[in-house]
C-alpha atoms as a PDB file:
ATOM      1  CA  MET A   1      82.398 -54.798  34.133  1.00  0.00           C
ATOM      2  CA  THR A   2      79.674 -54.370  31.556  1.00  0.00           C
ATOM      3  CA  SER A   3      77.075 -56.347  33.537  1.00  0.00           C
ATOM      4  CA  THR A   4      77.885 -54.387  36.748  1.00  0.00           C
ATOM      5  CA  SER A   5      77.359 -51.061  34.979  1.00  0.00           C
ATOM      6  CA  THR A   6      74.165 -52.298  33.372  1.00  0.00           C
ATOM      7  CA  SER A   7      72.727 -53.548  36.661  1.00  0.00           C
ATOM      8  CA  SER A   8      73.546 -50.310  38.497  1.00  0.00           C
ATOM      9  CA  THR A   9      71.792 -48.158  35.916  1.00  0.00           C
ATOM     10  CA  PRO A  10      68.242 -49.398  36.695  1.00  0.00           C
ATOM     11  CA  ALA A  11      68.965 -49.050  40.425  1.00  0.00           C
ATOM     12  CA  MET A  12      69.997 -45.389  39.987  1.00  0.00           C
ATOM     13  CA  SER A  13      66.972 -44.785  37.786  1.00  0.00           C
ATOM     14  CA  VAL A  14      64.658 -46.160  40.487  1.00  0.00           C
ATOM     15  CA  PHE A  15      66.448 -44.038  43.115  1.00  0.00           C
ATOM     16  CA  TRP A  16      65.992 -40.808  41.150  1.00  0.00           C
ATOM     17  CA  ASP A  17      62.386 -41.694  40.335  1.00  0.00           C
ATOM     18  CA  ASN A  18      61.747 -42.035  44.066  1.00  0.00           C
ATOM     19  CA  VAL A  19      63.473 -38.716  44.770  1.00  0.00           C
ATOM     20  CA  LYS A  20      61.332 -36.977  42.131  1.00  0.00           C
ATOM     21  CA  THR A  21      58.168 -38.528  43.562  1.00  0.00           C
ATOM     22  CA  ILE A  22      59.042 -37.240  47.040  1.00  0.00           C
ATOM     23  CA  LEU A  23      59.829 -33.765  45.689  1.00  0.00           C
ATOM     24  CA  TYR A  24      56.556 -33.656  43.741  1.00  0.00           C
ATOM     25  CA  ALA A  25      54.652 -34.725  46.853  1.00  0.00           C
ATOM     26  CA  LEU A  26      56.360 -32.038  48.953  1.00  0.00           C
ATOM     27  CA  ALA A  27      55.649 -29.407  46.307  1.00  0.00           C
ATOM     28  CA  LEU A  28      51.983 -30.430  46.174  1.00  0.00           C
ATOM     29  CA  ALA A  29      51.768 -30.336  49.983  1.00  0.00           C
ATOM     30  CA  MET A  30      53.210 -26.805  50.027  1.00  0.00           C
ATOM     31  CA  VAL A  31      50.795 -25.629  47.332  1.00  0.00           C
ATOM     32  CA  LEU A  32      47.855 -27.054  49.288  1.00  0.00           C
ATOM     33  CA  ARG A  33      49.130 -25.475  52.516  1.00  0.00           C
ATOM     34  CA  PHE A  34      49.467 -22.023  50.951  1.00  0.00           C
ATOM     35  CA  THR A  35      46.304 -22.025  48.838  1.00  0.00           C
ATOM     36  CA  ILE A  36      43.719 -24.469  50.200  1.00  0.00           C
ATOM     37  CA  ALA A  37      44.015 -25.385  53.889  1.00  0.00           C
ATOM     38  CA  GLN A  38      46.472 -25.435  56.778  1.00  0.00           C
ATOM     39  CA  PRO A  39      46.462 -27.343  60.075  1.00  0.00           C
ATOM     40  CA  PHE A  40      47.036 -25.564  63.397  1.00  0.00           C
ATOM     41  CA  ARG A  41      47.400 -26.822  66.951  1.00  0.00           C
ATOM     42  CA  ILE A  42      45.584 -24.984  69.755  1.00  0.00           C
ATOM     43  CA  PRO A  43      48.220 -24.174  72.438  1.00  0.00           C
ATOM     44  CA  SER A  44      46.139 -22.193  74.946  1.00  0.00           C
ATOM     45  CA  GLY A  45      42.679 -22.093  76.491  1.00  0.00           C
ATOM     46  CA  SER A  46      41.568 -18.657  75.303  1.00  0.00           C
ATOM     47  CA  MET A  47      38.854 -20.166  73.078  1.00  0.00           C
ATOM     48  CA  GLN A  48      37.475 -22.634  75.640  1.00  0.00           C
ATOM     49  CA  PRO A  49      35.076 -24.384  75.536  1.00  0.00           C
ATOM     50  CA  THR A  50      34.809 -24.066  71.733  1.00  0.00           C
ATOM     51  CA  LEU A  51      38.454 -25.076  71.284  1.00  0.00           C
ATOM     52  CA  ALA A  52      40.529 -26.975  73.834  1.00  0.00           C
ATOM     53  CA  VAL A  53      44.285 -27.155  74.314  1.00  0.00           C
ATOM     54  CA  GLY A  54      45.481 -30.030  72.132  1.00  0.00           C
ATOM     55  CA  ASP A  55      42.893 -29.610  69.372  1.00  0.00           C
ATOM     56  CA  TYR A  56      44.275 -29.809  65.842  1.00  0.00           C
ATOM     57  CA  ILE A  57      42.144 -27.704  63.510  1.00  0.00           C
ATOM     58  CA  VAL A  58      41.957 -27.084  59.769  1.00  0.00           C
ATOM     59  CA  VAL A  59      41.816 -23.501  58.487  1.00  0.00           C
ATOM     60  CA  THR A  60      40.748 -22.784  54.912  1.00  0.00           C
ATOM     61  CA  LYS A  61      42.958 -20.220  53.175  1.00  0.00           C
ATOM     62  CA  TRP A  62      40.629 -19.217  50.321  1.00  0.00           C
ATOM     63  CA  SER A  63      37.541 -18.348  52.374  1.00  0.00           C
ATOM     64  CA  TYR A  64      38.366 -14.620  52.643  1.00  0.00           C
ATOM     65  CA  GLY A  65      40.642 -14.445  49.624  1.00  0.00           C
ATOM     66  CA  TYR A  66      44.395 -14.279  50.129  1.00  0.00           C
ATOM     67  CA  GLY A  67      46.463 -11.851  52.188  1.00  0.00           C
ATOM     68  CA  ARG A  68      50.155 -11.654  52.988  1.00  0.00           C
ATOM     69  CA  TYR A  69      49.841 -13.936  55.998  1.00  0.00           C
ATOM     70  CA  SER A  70      48.037 -16.601  53.985  1.00  0.00           C
ATOM     71  CA  PHE A  71      51.507 -17.410  52.661  1.00  0.00           C
ATOM     72  CA  ALA A  72      53.526 -17.175  55.892  1.00  0.00           C
ATOM     73  CA  PRO A  73      56.500 -17.385  56.293  1.00  0.00           C
ATOM     74  CA  LEU A  74      56.809 -15.709  52.859  1.00  0.00           C
ATOM     75  CA  GLU A  75      54.764 -12.658  53.839  1.00  0.00           C
ATOM     76  CA  GLY A  76      57.784 -10.347  53.611  1.00  0.00           C
ATOM     77  CA  LEU A  77      57.972 -10.965  49.860  1.00  0.00           C
ATOM     78  CA  LEU A  78      54.319 -10.107  49.181  1.00  0.00           C
ATOM     79  CA  PRO A  79      52.425  -6.810  48.815  1.00  0.00           C
ATOM     80  CA  HIS A  80      49.832  -5.537  51.277  1.00  0.00           C
ATOM     81  CA  GLY A  81      46.112  -6.066  50.803  1.00  0.00           C
ATOM     82  CA  ARG A  82      43.978  -9.069  49.806  1.00  0.00           C
ATOM     83  CA  ILE A  83      43.177 -10.696  46.475  1.00  0.00           C
ATOM     84  CA  PHE A  84      40.195 -12.812  45.335  1.00  0.00           C
ATOM     85  CA  SER A  85      38.112 -11.584  48.281  1.00  0.00           C
ATOM     86  CA  ASN A  86      35.300  -9.987  46.282  1.00  0.00           C
ATOM     87  CA  GLY A  87      33.273 -13.112  45.628  1.00  0.00           C
ATOM     88  CA  PHE A  88      35.425 -14.689  42.906  1.00  0.00           C
ATOM     89  CA  LEU A  89      36.777 -17.104  45.500  1.00  0.00           C
ATOM     90  CA  GLY A  90      36.454 -15.611  48.944  1.00  0.00           C
ATOM     91  CA  SER A  91      33.894 -13.549  50.795  1.00  0.00           C
ATOM     92  CA  GLU A  92      33.866 -11.045  53.612  1.00  0.00           C
ATOM     93  CA  PRO A  93      34.318 -12.330  57.195  1.00  0.00           C
ATOM     94  CA  GLU A  94      31.116 -12.558  59.184  1.00  0.00           C
ATOM     95  CA  ARG A  95      30.442 -11.730  62.808  1.00  0.00           C
ATOM     96  CA  GLY A  96      30.951 -14.869  64.899  1.00  0.00           C
ATOM     97  CA  ASP A  97      33.549 -16.511  62.643  1.00  0.00           C
ATOM     98  CA  VAL A  98      36.444 -18.205  64.470  1.00  0.00           C
ATOM     99  CA  ILE A  99      39.517 -16.902  62.676  1.00  0.00           C
ATOM    100  CA  VAL A 100      43.291 -17.422  62.654  1.00  0.00           C
ATOM    101  CA  PHE A 101      45.152 -14.136  62.157  1.00  0.00           C
ATOM    102  CA  ARG A 102      48.390 -12.281  62.859  1.00  0.00           C
ATOM    103  CA  PRO A 103      48.033  -9.259  65.182  1.00  0.00           C
ATOM    104  CA  THR A 104      49.872  -6.076  64.291  1.00  0.00           C
ATOM    105  CA  ALA A 105      51.622  -6.082  67.683  1.00  0.00           C
ATOM    106  CA  GLU A 106      52.955  -9.642  67.213  1.00  0.00           C
ATOM    107  CA  PRO A 107      53.076 -10.318  63.457  1.00  0.00           C
ATOM    108  CA  THR A 108      55.164 -13.497  63.823  1.00  0.00           C
ATOM    109  CA  ARG A 109      52.562 -15.334  65.938  1.00  0.00           C
ATOM    110  CA  ASP A 110      49.297 -16.949  64.901  1.00  0.00           C
ATOM    111  CA  PHE A 111      46.287 -16.101  67.087  1.00  0.00           C
ATOM    112  CA  ILE A 112      42.796 -17.587  66.962  1.00  0.00           C
ATOM    113  CA  LYS A 113      39.739 -15.704  68.253  1.00  0.00           C
ATOM    114  CA  ARG A 114      36.111 -15.042  67.408  1.00  0.00           C
ATOM    115  CA  LEU A 115      35.195 -12.060  65.244  1.00  0.00           C
ATOM    116  CA  ILE A 116      32.946  -9.855  67.373  1.00  0.00           C
ATOM    117  CA  GLY A 117      33.194  -6.385  65.852  1.00  0.00           C
ATOM    118  CA  LEU A 118      32.939  -5.371  62.187  1.00  0.00           C
ATOM    119  CA  PRO A 119      34.178  -2.060  60.743  1.00  0.00           C
ATOM    120  CA  GLY A 120      32.206   0.817  62.263  1.00  0.00           C
ATOM    121  CA  ASP A 121      30.917  -1.205  65.242  1.00  0.00           C
ATOM    122  CA  ARG A 122      31.169   0.092  68.794  1.00  0.00           C
ATOM    123  CA  ILE A 123      32.222  -2.669  71.193  1.00  0.00           C
ATOM    124  CA  GLN A 124      32.265  -2.576  74.990  1.00  0.00           C
ATOM    125  CA  MET A 125      32.205  -4.917  77.993  1.00  0.00           C
ATOM    126  CA  ARG A 126      30.100  -3.841  80.971  1.00  0.00           C
ATOM    127  CA  GLU A 127      29.962  -5.999  84.089  1.00  0.00           C
ATOM    128  CA  GLY A 128      30.895  -9.026  81.997  1.00  0.00           C
ATOM    129  CA  VAL A 129      28.193  -8.399  79.384  1.00  0.00           C
ATOM    130  CA  LEU A 130      29.163  -7.773  75.745  1.00  0.00           C
ATOM    131  CA  TYR A 131      27.649  -4.689  74.116  1.00  0.00           C
ATOM    132  CA  ILE A 132      27.618  -4.170  70.348  1.00  0.00           C
ATOM    133  CA  ASN A 133      26.586  -0.705  69.187  1.00  0.00           C
ATOM    134  CA  ARG A 134      25.419  -0.008  72.745  1.00  0.00           C
ATOM    135  CA  GLU A 135      23.004  -2.926  72.789  1.00  0.00           C
ATOM    136  CA  PRO A 136      23.642  -5.904  75.108  1.00  0.00           C
ATOM    137  CA  VAL A 137      24.232  -9.188  73.318  1.00  0.00           C
ATOM    138  CA  GLN A 138      21.669 -11.839  74.196  1.00  0.00           C
ATOM    139  CA  ARG A 139      23.045 -14.457  76.585  1.00  0.00           C
ATOM    140  CA  GLU A 140      21.637 -17.308  78.645  1.00  0.00           C
ATOM    141  CA  SER A 141      23.290 -18.859  81.691  1.00  0.00           C
ATOM    142  CA  LEU A 142      24.034 -22.576  81.356  1.00  0.00           C
ATOM    143  CA  GLY A 143      25.268 -22.977  84.916  1.00  0.00           C
ATOM    144  CA  VAL A 144      28.671 -23.638  86.462  1.00  0.00           C
ATOM    145  CA  THR A 145      30.895 -26.296  84.856  1.00  0.00           C
ATOM    146  CA  ASP A 146      34.578 -27.282  84.643  1.00  0.00           C
ATOM    147  CA  GLN A 147      34.774 -26.949  80.845  1.00  0.00           C
ATOM    148  CA  CYS A 148      37.279 -24.099  81.104  1.00  0.00           C
ATOM    149  CA  PRO A 149      40.349 -25.338  83.057  1.00  0.00           C
ATOM    150  CA  ASP A 150      43.170 -23.043  84.171  1.00  0.00           C
ATOM    151  CA  HIS A 151      46.592 -22.603  82.526  1.00  0.00           C
ATOM    152  CA  ASN A 152      47.801 -25.907  83.981  1.00  0.00           C
ATOM    153  CA  GLY A 153      44.765 -27.835  82.786  1.00  0.00           C
ATOM    154  CA  ASP A 154      43.365 -28.191  86.298  1.00  0.00           C
ATOM    155  CA  PRO A 155      39.562 -27.993  86.689  1.00  0.00           C
ATOM    156  CA  LEU A 156      38.336 -24.509  87.495  1.00  0.00           C
ATOM    157  CA  PRO A 157      34.648 -23.792  88.119  1.00  0.00           C
ATOM    158  CA  ALA A 158      33.323 -21.224  85.667  1.00  0.00           C
ATOM    159  CA  GLU A 159      29.872 -20.038  84.737  1.00  0.00           C
ATOM    160  CA  THR A 160      29.045 -20.710  81.114  1.00  0.00           C
ATOM    161  CA  PHE A 161      26.716 -18.668  78.927  1.00  0.00           C
ATOM    162  CA  ARG A 162      25.189 -19.247  75.529  1.00  0.00           C
ATOM    163  CA  GLU A 163      25.781 -15.980  73.728  1.00  0.00           C
ATOM    164  CA  THR A 164      23.888 -15.112  70.540  1.00  0.00           C
ATOM    165  CA  LEU A 165      25.160 -12.353  68.263  1.00  0.00           C
ATOM    166  CA  PRO A 166      22.842 -10.025  66.297  1.00  0.00           C
ATOM    167  CA  ASN A 167      23.268 -12.157  63.145  1.00  0.00           C
ATOM    168  CA  GLY A 168      22.147 -15.307  64.988  1.00  0.00           C
ATOM    169  CA  VAL A 169      25.537 -16.944  65.517  1.00  0.00           C
ATOM    170  CA  SER A 170      25.457 -18.750  68.873  1.00  0.00           C
ATOM    171  CA  TYR A 171      28.283 -20.191  70.982  1.00  0.00           C
ATOM    172  CA  ILE A 172      29.298 -20.792  74.603  1.00  0.00           C
ATOM    173  CA  THR A 173      31.498 -18.485  76.661  1.00  0.00           C
ATOM    174  CA  CYS A 174      33.173 -18.906  80.052  1.00  0.00           C
ATOM    175  CA  ASP A 175      33.035 -16.392  82.895  1.00  0.00           C
ATOM    176  CA  LYS A 176      35.481 -16.951  85.778  1.00  0.00           C
ATOM    177  CA  GLY A 177      34.437 -13.972  87.858  1.00  0.00           C
ATOM    178  CA  MET A 178      34.825 -10.226  87.619  1.00  0.00           C
ATOM    179  CA  THR A 179      38.165  -9.098  86.135  1.00  0.00           C
ATOM    180  CA  SER A 180      39.542  -6.003  84.426  1.00  0.00           C
ATOM    181  CA  LEU A 181      38.470  -7.493  81.086  1.00  0.00           C
ATOM    182  CA  ASP A 182      34.793  -7.393  82.148  1.00  0.00           C
ATOM    183  CA  ASN A 183      34.656  -3.592  82.101  1.00  0.00           C
ATOM    184  CA  THR A 184      36.270  -1.775  79.196  1.00  0.00           C
ATOM    185  CA  ARG A 185      36.056   1.490  77.351  1.00  0.00           C
ATOM    186  CA  GLU A 186      33.982   1.652  74.175  1.00  0.00           C
ATOM    187  CA  TYR A 187      35.999   0.663  71.100  1.00  0.00           C
ATOM    188  CA  THR A 188      35.041   1.929  67.645  1.00  0.00           C
ATOM    189  CA  VAL A 189      36.307  -0.479  65.002  1.00  0.00           C
ATOM    190  CA  PRO A 190      38.131   1.361  62.180  1.00  0.00           C
ATOM    191  CA  GLU A 191      37.431   0.756  58.517  1.00  0.00           C
ATOM    192  CA  GLY A 192      39.279  -2.293  57.207  1.00  0.00           C
ATOM    193  CA  HIS A 193      39.732  -3.766  60.711  1.00  0.00           C
ATOM    194  CA  TYR A 194      38.014  -6.241  63.044  1.00  0.00           C
ATOM    195  CA  PHE A 195      37.530  -6.684  66.784  1.00  0.00           C
ATOM    196  CA  MET A 196      38.401 -10.161  68.078  1.00  0.00           C
ATOM    197  CA  MET A 197      37.592 -11.815  71.412  1.00  0.00           C
ATOM    198  CA  GLY A 198      38.218 -15.203  73.004  1.00  0.00           C
ATOM    199  CA  ASP A 199      35.317 -17.339  74.229  1.00  0.00           C
ATOM    200  CA  ASP A 200      37.083 -17.801  77.597  1.00  0.00           C
ATOM    201  CA  ARG A 201      36.482 -14.142  78.330  1.00  0.00           C
ATOM    202  CA  ASP A 202      38.716 -13.811  81.408  1.00  0.00           C
ATOM    203  CA  ASN A 203      41.612 -15.763  79.877  1.00  0.00           C
ATOM    204  CA  SER A 204      42.196 -14.191  76.467  1.00  0.00           C
ATOM    205  CA  ASP A 205      44.748 -11.824  74.970  1.00  0.00           C
ATOM    206  CA  ASP A 206      42.469 -10.239  72.392  1.00  0.00           C
ATOM    207  CA  SER A 207      41.345  -6.889  70.982  1.00  0.00           C
ATOM    208  CA  ARG A 208      40.556  -5.641  74.493  1.00  0.00           C
ATOM    209  CA  GLN A 209      44.281  -5.476  75.233  1.00  0.00           C
ATOM    210  CA  ILE A 210      47.504  -6.479  73.401  1.00  0.00           C
ATOM    211  CA  VAL A 211      45.939  -7.626  70.109  1.00  0.00           C
ATOM    212  CA  GLY A 212      44.093  -4.413  69.312  1.00  0.00           C
ATOM    213  CA  PHE A 213      42.174  -4.022  66.082  1.00  0.00           C
ATOM    214  CA  VAL A 214      43.073  -6.636  63.463  1.00  0.00           C
ATOM    215  CA  PRO A 215      43.644  -5.391  59.891  1.00  0.00           C
ATOM    216  CA  ARG A 216      41.739  -7.218  57.168  1.00  0.00           C
ATOM    217  CA  GLU A 217      44.973  -8.166  55.402  1.00  0.00           C
ATOM    218  CA  ASN A 218      46.236  -9.939  58.555  1.00  0.00           C
ATOM    219  CA  LEU A 219      43.539 -12.621  58.432  1.00  0.00           C
ATOM    220  CA  VAL A 220      44.762 -16.128  57.602  1.00  0.00           C
ATOM    221  CA  GLY A 221      41.383 -17.865  57.411  1.00  0.00           C
ATOM    222  CA  PRO A 222      38.463 -19.327  59.365  1.00  0.00           C
ATOM    223  CA  ALA A 223      38.690 -22.521  61.419  1.00  0.00           C
ATOM    224  CA  GLN A 224      36.432 -25.168  59.896  1.00  0.00           C
ATOM    225  CA  PHE A 225      36.729 -28.335  61.968  1.00  0.00           C
ATOM    226  CA  ILE A 226      38.826 -30.191  64.536  1.00  0.00           C
ATOM    227  CA  VAL A 227      40.779 -32.981  62.831  1.00  0.00           C
ATOM    228  CA  VAL A 228      41.882 -34.692  66.024  1.00  0.00           C
ATOM    229  CA  SER A 229      42.381 -33.808  69.685  1.00  0.00           C
ATOM    230  CA  PHE A 230      44.666 -35.045  72.469  1.00  0.00           C
ATOM    231  CA  ASP A 231      44.581 -34.128  76.151  1.00  0.00           C
ATOM    232  CA  ARG A 232      47.554 -32.873  78.193  1.00  0.00           C
ATOM    233  CA  THR A 233      48.681 -36.397  79.170  1.00  0.00           C
ATOM    234  CA  THR A 234      49.734 -37.143  75.566  1.00  0.00           C
ATOM    235  CA  SER A 235      53.442 -37.297  74.724  1.00  0.00           C
ATOM    236  CA  LEU A 236      55.283 -38.611  71.667  1.00  0.00           C
ATOM    237  CA  LEU A 237      57.896 -39.955  74.082  1.00  0.00           C
ATOM    238  CA  ARG A 238      55.161 -42.254  75.415  1.00  0.00           C
ATOM    239  CA  PRO A 239      53.440 -43.491  72.241  1.00  0.00           C
ATOM    240  CA  TRP A 240      50.673 -45.336  74.113  1.00  0.00           C
ATOM    241  CA  THR A 241      49.338 -41.979  75.314  1.00  0.00           C
ATOM    242  CA  LEU A 242      48.296 -41.237  71.718  1.00  0.00           C
ATOM    243  CA  PHE A 243      45.513 -43.722  72.436  1.00  0.00           C
ATOM    244  CA  THR A 244      44.848 -43.019  76.116  1.00  0.00           C
ATOM    245  CA  GLY A 245      44.884 -39.230  75.570  1.00  0.00           C
ATOM    246  CA  PHE A 246      42.786 -39.252  72.410  1.00  0.00           C
ATOM    247  CA  ARG A 247      39.544 -37.254  72.722  1.00  0.00           C
ATOM    248  CA  GLY A 248      37.097 -39.210  70.606  1.00  0.00           C
ATOM    249  CA  ASP A 249      34.232 -36.787  71.227  1.00  0.00           C
ATOM    250  CA  ARG A 250      36.146 -34.006  69.429  1.00  0.00           C
ATOM    251  CA  PHE A 251      37.186 -36.057  66.373  1.00  0.00           C
ATOM    252  CA  LEU A 252      36.117 -34.233  63.154  1.00  0.00           C
ATOM    253  CA  LYS A 253      33.993 -31.801  65.176  1.00  0.00           C
ATOM    254  CA  SER A 254      33.017 -28.616  63.353  1.00  0.00           C
ATOM    255  CA  VAL A 255      34.126 -25.262  64.810  1.00  0.00           C
ATOM    256  CA  ASN A 256      31.292 -22.840  65.415  1.00  0.00           C
END
């Protein structure tokens, strides 16, 4: 009896040591997720061609300081506003940043768009051209490509433009023809808010419609890079598609 009890004691000790190691690892992972960086999967094509469906991106939480939604799903326990956003850790968002945020109209969903309008800016679309403070944003046609597929992932010809914002940030947008989103009223961005738009201009729920102006405290953080990307043929039920559907050209690609 004595030897059985003695032999079981080390086994239980090893078991509890393993449990503690797992708990410590989970706690560290949660701390990193809430304070340093968080992965997100891109589910829609509203940011094509910058971000494609199936991209897995990393968003840094500290870049703009911390708001309530930096700690989702615990936001209901936290006060409004942002902390550490005055240069101690974070800085102010800049025009052209690609940002994950929670819109006021749908505070339980994460959205990702490009910051187009800063507080006080006047934003308008006229005949598909973006105007900031009543000046057209510089853009150059890159021709028609199939870089912006439809909702089903099927190729859809679209004209692409290289758009350059007043602060020099440059990126590619898609134009799929004239739609209601190509002609809007003039929006004046309120203090403490931002105007967001998708790069696939005719396929984006953004500040031109349901998203509206985005409060500063609703920002989660900027997208930094694509960790990995898989096309629509990938399925965990068919493990080999993790290799056949892997997009090597997007591996560790920066988001800009």
